[in-house]
N, C-alpha and C. Protein backbone atom coordinates (compact mmCIF):
# COMPACT_ATOMS: atom_id res chain seq x y z
N UNK A 1 -9.35 17.82 -46.50
CA UNK A 1 -9.24 16.83 -45.45
C UNK A 1 -7.98 16.00 -45.70
N UNK A 2 -7.20 15.79 -44.66
CA UNK A 2 -5.98 15.01 -44.74
C UNK A 2 -6.22 13.62 -44.16
N UNK A 3 -5.46 12.64 -44.63
CA UNK A 3 -5.49 11.30 -44.06
C UNK A 3 -4.15 11.05 -43.39
N UNK A 4 -4.20 10.62 -42.12
CA UNK A 4 -3.00 10.35 -41.34
C UNK A 4 -2.94 8.88 -40.95
N UNK A 5 -1.74 8.33 -40.98
CA UNK A 5 -1.47 7.05 -40.37
C UNK A 5 -0.95 7.34 -38.97
N UNK A 6 -1.57 6.75 -37.97
CA UNK A 6 -1.14 6.91 -36.58
C UNK A 6 -0.89 5.52 -36.02
N UNK A 7 0.30 5.30 -35.50
CA UNK A 7 0.63 4.03 -34.87
C UNK A 7 1.46 4.32 -33.63
N UNK A 8 1.44 3.37 -32.70
CA UNK A 8 2.13 3.61 -31.44
C UNK A 8 2.61 2.31 -30.82
N UNK A 9 3.59 2.44 -29.93
CA UNK A 9 4.02 1.38 -29.04
C UNK A 9 3.70 1.85 -27.64
N UNK A 10 2.80 1.16 -26.97
CA UNK A 10 2.40 1.53 -25.61
C UNK A 10 3.15 0.64 -24.63
N UNK A 11 3.86 1.23 -23.71
CA UNK A 11 4.68 0.50 -22.74
C UNK A 11 3.84 0.08 -21.54
N UNK A 12 3.33 -1.13 -21.59
CA UNK A 12 2.69 -1.79 -20.44
C UNK A 12 1.60 -0.99 -19.73
N UNK A 13 0.69 -0.43 -20.44
CA UNK A 13 -0.45 0.21 -19.80
C UNK A 13 -1.67 0.11 -20.72
N UNK A 14 -2.81 0.43 -20.19
CA UNK A 14 -4.05 0.33 -20.95
C UNK A 14 -4.03 1.28 -22.14
N UNK A 15 -4.46 0.78 -23.29
CA UNK A 15 -4.50 1.60 -24.50
C UNK A 15 -5.89 2.18 -24.73
N UNK A 16 -6.83 1.90 -23.84
CA UNK A 16 -8.20 2.34 -24.06
C UNK A 16 -8.31 3.86 -24.14
N UNK A 17 -7.66 4.58 -23.25
CA UNK A 17 -7.70 6.05 -23.29
C UNK A 17 -7.09 6.61 -24.56
N UNK A 18 -6.00 6.03 -24.99
CA UNK A 18 -5.35 6.46 -26.23
C UNK A 18 -6.24 6.15 -27.43
N UNK A 19 -6.88 4.98 -27.42
CA UNK A 19 -7.80 4.63 -28.51
C UNK A 19 -8.95 5.62 -28.60
N UNK A 20 -9.51 5.96 -27.48
CA UNK A 20 -10.61 6.94 -27.46
C UNK A 20 -10.16 8.29 -28.00
N UNK A 21 -8.97 8.70 -27.60
CA UNK A 21 -8.44 9.99 -28.05
C UNK A 21 -8.22 9.99 -29.56
N UNK A 22 -7.70 8.90 -30.10
CA UNK A 22 -7.46 8.81 -31.55
C UNK A 22 -8.78 8.90 -32.31
N UNK A 23 -9.81 8.23 -31.80
CA UNK A 23 -11.11 8.25 -32.49
C UNK A 23 -11.73 9.64 -32.49
N UNK A 24 -11.30 10.52 -31.62
CA UNK A 24 -11.85 11.87 -31.54
C UNK A 24 -11.03 12.90 -32.32
N UNK A 25 -9.94 12.48 -32.97
CA UNK A 25 -9.05 13.43 -33.64
C UNK A 25 -9.62 14.06 -34.90
N UNK A 26 -10.44 13.34 -35.62
CA UNK A 26 -10.89 13.85 -36.91
C UNK A 26 -12.33 13.50 -37.16
N UNK A 27 -12.71 13.58 -38.42
CA UNK A 27 -14.09 13.31 -38.81
C UNK A 27 -14.36 11.82 -38.99
N UNK A 28 -13.34 11.04 -39.31
CA UNK A 28 -13.51 9.60 -39.51
C UNK A 28 -12.22 8.90 -39.14
N UNK A 29 -12.33 7.61 -38.79
CA UNK A 29 -11.17 6.81 -38.43
C UNK A 29 -11.37 5.37 -38.88
N UNK A 30 -10.25 4.69 -39.04
CA UNK A 30 -10.24 3.26 -39.35
C UNK A 30 -9.10 2.63 -38.56
N UNK A 31 -9.28 1.36 -38.19
CA UNK A 31 -8.26 0.66 -37.40
C UNK A 31 -7.97 -0.69 -38.07
N UNK A 32 -7.09 -0.72 -39.07
CA UNK A 32 -6.84 -1.96 -39.78
C UNK A 32 -5.99 -2.97 -39.01
N UNK A 33 -5.17 -2.51 -38.07
CA UNK A 33 -4.31 -3.37 -37.26
C UNK A 33 -4.38 -2.93 -35.80
N UNK A 34 -3.85 -3.76 -34.92
CA UNK A 34 -3.99 -3.54 -33.48
C UNK A 34 -3.60 -2.14 -33.02
N UNK A 35 -2.46 -1.64 -33.44
CA UNK A 35 -2.05 -0.30 -33.02
C UNK A 35 -1.79 0.62 -34.21
N UNK A 36 -2.48 0.36 -35.31
CA UNK A 36 -2.37 1.20 -36.50
C UNK A 36 -3.74 1.77 -36.82
N UNK A 37 -3.79 3.06 -37.01
CA UNK A 37 -5.04 3.78 -37.26
C UNK A 37 -4.87 4.66 -38.49
N UNK A 38 -5.97 4.90 -39.17
CA UNK A 38 -6.07 5.96 -40.16
C UNK A 38 -7.08 6.96 -39.61
N UNK A 39 -6.75 8.23 -39.70
CA UNK A 39 -7.64 9.29 -39.22
C UNK A 39 -7.75 10.34 -40.32
N UNK A 40 -8.97 10.75 -40.62
CA UNK A 40 -9.20 11.85 -41.56
C UNK A 40 -9.46 13.10 -40.75
N UNK A 41 -8.62 14.11 -40.94
CA UNK A 41 -8.70 15.33 -40.14
C UNK A 41 -8.24 16.53 -40.96
N UNK A 42 -8.78 17.69 -40.64
CA UNK A 42 -8.33 18.93 -41.27
C UNK A 42 -7.12 19.51 -40.55
N UNK A 43 -6.80 18.99 -39.37
CA UNK A 43 -5.68 19.50 -38.57
C UNK A 43 -4.34 19.02 -39.11
N UNK A 44 -3.28 19.70 -38.68
CA UNK A 44 -1.90 19.32 -39.01
C UNK A 44 -1.42 18.24 -38.04
N UNK A 45 -0.39 17.51 -38.43
CA UNK A 45 0.15 16.41 -37.62
C UNK A 45 0.59 16.89 -36.24
N UNK A 46 1.22 18.05 -36.16
CA UNK A 46 1.69 18.56 -34.86
C UNK A 46 0.52 18.82 -33.91
N UNK A 47 -0.59 19.27 -34.43
CA UNK A 47 -1.78 19.50 -33.61
C UNK A 47 -2.33 18.18 -33.08
N UNK A 48 -2.35 17.15 -33.92
CA UNK A 48 -2.81 15.83 -33.48
C UNK A 48 -1.90 15.29 -32.39
N UNK A 49 -0.60 15.46 -32.57
CA UNK A 49 0.37 14.99 -31.57
C UNK A 49 0.15 15.67 -30.22
N UNK A 50 -0.11 16.97 -30.23
CA UNK A 50 -0.37 17.70 -28.97
C UNK A 50 -1.62 17.16 -28.28
N UNK A 51 -2.63 16.79 -29.05
CA UNK A 51 -3.87 16.27 -28.48
C UNK A 51 -3.68 14.87 -27.89
N UNK A 52 -2.75 14.08 -28.45
CA UNK A 52 -2.51 12.73 -27.95
C UNK A 52 -1.51 12.68 -26.80
N UNK A 53 -0.68 13.70 -26.70
CA UNK A 53 0.39 13.72 -25.70
C UNK A 53 -0.07 13.40 -24.27
N UNK A 54 -1.21 13.92 -23.79
CA UNK A 54 -1.64 13.59 -22.43
C UNK A 54 -1.95 12.11 -22.20
N UNK A 55 -2.11 11.33 -23.27
CA UNK A 55 -2.44 9.91 -23.15
C UNK A 55 -1.22 9.02 -23.29
N UNK A 56 -0.04 9.61 -23.44
CA UNK A 56 1.19 8.87 -23.63
C UNK A 56 2.05 8.93 -22.37
N UNK A 57 2.82 7.87 -22.16
CA UNK A 57 3.77 7.82 -21.06
C UNK A 57 5.18 7.96 -21.61
N UNK A 58 6.16 8.13 -20.75
CA UNK A 58 7.52 8.42 -21.20
C UNK A 58 8.11 7.31 -22.08
N UNK A 59 7.71 6.06 -21.89
CA UNK A 59 8.26 4.97 -22.69
C UNK A 59 7.48 4.67 -23.95
N UNK A 60 6.43 5.42 -24.25
CA UNK A 60 5.59 5.16 -25.42
C UNK A 60 6.19 5.77 -26.68
N UNK A 61 5.98 5.10 -27.80
CA UNK A 61 6.38 5.62 -29.10
C UNK A 61 5.14 6.00 -29.89
N UNK A 62 5.24 7.06 -30.68
CA UNK A 62 4.10 7.54 -31.46
C UNK A 62 4.58 7.96 -32.84
N UNK A 63 3.85 7.54 -33.88
CA UNK A 63 4.13 7.95 -35.25
C UNK A 63 2.85 8.51 -35.84
N UNK A 64 2.93 9.72 -36.35
CA UNK A 64 1.81 10.35 -37.07
C UNK A 64 2.37 10.80 -38.41
N UNK A 65 1.80 10.29 -39.50
CA UNK A 65 2.31 10.63 -40.83
C UNK A 65 1.15 10.83 -41.78
N UNK A 66 1.18 11.94 -42.50
CA UNK A 66 0.17 12.17 -43.53
C UNK A 66 0.44 11.20 -44.67
N UNK A 67 -0.64 10.56 -45.17
CA UNK A 67 -0.50 9.54 -46.20
C UNK A 67 -1.53 9.78 -47.31
N UNK A 68 -1.33 9.08 -48.41
CA UNK A 68 -2.31 9.08 -49.49
C UNK A 68 -3.51 8.25 -49.04
N UNK A 69 -4.63 8.42 -49.67
CA UNK A 69 -5.84 7.71 -49.29
C UNK A 69 -5.77 6.22 -49.63
N UNK A 70 -4.98 5.84 -50.65
CA UNK A 70 -4.89 4.45 -51.06
C UNK A 70 -3.94 3.69 -50.14
N UNK A 71 -4.23 2.41 -49.92
CA UNK A 71 -3.37 1.57 -49.09
C UNK A 71 -3.41 0.15 -49.61
N UNK A 72 -2.33 -0.59 -49.43
CA UNK A 72 -2.29 -2.01 -49.74
C UNK A 72 -2.40 -2.75 -48.41
N UNK A 73 -3.39 -3.63 -48.30
CA UNK A 73 -3.64 -4.35 -47.05
C UNK A 73 -3.60 -5.84 -47.30
N UNK A 74 -2.97 -6.59 -46.40
CA UNK A 74 -2.94 -8.05 -46.46
C UNK A 74 -3.49 -8.60 -45.16
N UNK A 75 -4.39 -9.56 -45.24
CA UNK A 75 -4.99 -10.21 -44.07
C UNK A 75 -5.69 -9.24 -43.14
N UNK A 76 -6.21 -8.17 -43.67
CA UNK A 76 -6.98 -7.20 -42.88
C UNK A 76 -7.90 -6.45 -43.82
N UNK A 77 -8.79 -5.67 -43.26
CA UNK A 77 -9.72 -4.89 -44.05
C UNK A 77 -9.71 -3.45 -43.55
N UNK A 78 -10.12 -2.54 -44.39
CA UNK A 78 -10.18 -1.14 -44.01
C UNK A 78 -11.64 -0.70 -44.04
N UNK A 79 -12.17 -0.41 -42.88
CA UNK A 79 -13.55 0.05 -42.76
C UNK A 79 -13.54 1.37 -42.00
N UNK A 80 -14.06 2.41 -42.63
CA UNK A 80 -14.08 3.73 -42.03
C UNK A 80 -15.30 3.90 -41.13
N UNK A 81 -15.09 4.57 -40.00
CA UNK A 81 -16.16 4.90 -39.06
C UNK A 81 -16.20 6.40 -38.90
N UNK A 82 -17.37 6.94 -38.67
CA UNK A 82 -17.50 8.36 -38.39
C UNK A 82 -17.06 8.65 -36.97
N UNK A 83 -16.65 9.88 -36.74
CA UNK A 83 -16.23 10.29 -35.40
C UNK A 83 -17.34 9.97 -34.40
N UNK A 84 -16.96 9.35 -33.30
CA UNK A 84 -17.92 9.01 -32.25
C UNK A 84 -17.93 10.12 -31.22
N UNK A 85 -19.10 10.40 -30.72
CA UNK A 85 -19.24 11.43 -29.70
C UNK A 85 -19.65 10.78 -28.39
N UNK A 86 -19.18 11.36 -27.32
CA UNK A 86 -19.51 10.84 -25.99
C UNK A 86 -20.96 11.18 -25.66
N UNK A 87 -21.71 10.19 -25.19
CA UNK A 87 -23.11 10.37 -24.83
C UNK A 87 -23.31 9.89 -23.40
N UNK A 88 -23.65 10.79 -22.51
CA UNK A 88 -23.92 10.44 -21.11
C UNK A 88 -22.78 9.65 -20.49
N UNK A 89 -21.55 10.04 -20.74
CA UNK A 89 -20.41 9.37 -20.14
C UNK A 89 -20.06 8.04 -20.78
N UNK A 90 -20.78 7.62 -21.81
CA UNK A 90 -20.54 6.34 -22.46
C UNK A 90 -19.94 6.59 -23.84
N UNK A 91 -18.91 5.82 -24.19
CA UNK A 91 -18.29 5.93 -25.51
C UNK A 91 -18.82 4.80 -26.37
N UNK A 92 -19.20 5.12 -27.57
CA UNK A 92 -19.72 4.12 -28.48
C UNK A 92 -18.64 3.66 -29.44
N UNK A 93 -18.66 2.38 -29.74
CA UNK A 93 -17.79 1.79 -30.75
C UNK A 93 -16.32 1.86 -30.38
N UNK A 94 -15.97 1.75 -29.10
CA UNK A 94 -14.58 1.70 -28.69
C UNK A 94 -14.12 0.26 -28.83
N UNK A 95 -13.08 0.04 -29.59
CA UNK A 95 -12.56 -1.31 -29.82
C UNK A 95 -11.13 -1.39 -29.32
N UNK A 96 -10.92 -2.10 -28.23
CA UNK A 96 -9.58 -2.26 -27.67
C UNK A 96 -9.21 -3.73 -27.76
N UNK A 97 -8.07 -4.03 -28.34
CA UNK A 97 -7.64 -5.41 -28.47
C UNK A 97 -7.08 -5.91 -27.14
N UNK A 98 -7.22 -7.21 -26.85
CA UNK A 98 -6.66 -7.74 -25.60
C UNK A 98 -5.15 -7.64 -25.59
N UNK A 99 -4.58 -7.41 -24.41
CA UNK A 99 -3.14 -7.22 -24.28
C UNK A 99 -2.37 -8.51 -24.55
N UNK A 100 -2.96 -9.67 -24.26
CA UNK A 100 -2.25 -10.94 -24.38
C UNK A 100 -2.54 -11.70 -25.66
N UNK A 101 -3.42 -11.21 -26.49
CA UNK A 101 -3.75 -11.88 -27.74
C UNK A 101 -4.86 -12.90 -27.54
N UNK A 102 -5.06 -13.73 -28.53
CA UNK A 102 -6.13 -14.71 -28.53
C UNK A 102 -5.66 -15.99 -27.86
N UNK A 103 -6.43 -16.52 -26.88
CA UNK A 103 -6.00 -17.75 -26.22
C UNK A 103 -6.00 -18.93 -27.18
N UNK A 104 -5.12 -19.87 -26.96
CA UNK A 104 -5.05 -21.06 -27.79
C UNK A 104 -6.19 -22.00 -27.46
N UNK A 105 -6.65 -22.74 -28.46
CA UNK A 105 -7.73 -23.72 -28.24
C UNK A 105 -7.15 -24.92 -27.49
N UNK A 106 -7.94 -25.48 -26.58
CA UNK A 106 -7.51 -26.64 -25.81
C UNK A 106 -7.98 -27.91 -26.49
N UNK A 107 -7.12 -28.93 -26.51
CA UNK A 107 -7.48 -30.22 -27.11
C UNK A 107 -8.46 -30.95 -26.21
N UNK A 108 -9.41 -31.62 -26.82
CA UNK A 108 -10.41 -32.35 -26.04
C UNK A 108 -9.93 -33.72 -25.65
């Protein structure tokens, strides 16, 4: 089993479809940062790229790199999830971050 780092720059469109596709690439996945993923898969990087290509637009950037299992993380955590399967048209455990970030608190 290989571990891949997958990260992307999505040009002004919903990342939900791409997130779902990444979660289906291998046996397990982790999302330590907004557009950074770790995926454990037996496939080669080129195969993963072909599977993600339909979810990318012409202005999108994509990086897929095989990495060691160890990582140094600051201000984040690494929690692995098992591959999610679609059940009755519903996807479980899809986590999409808001496009605009966290709203600021208003003073009282």
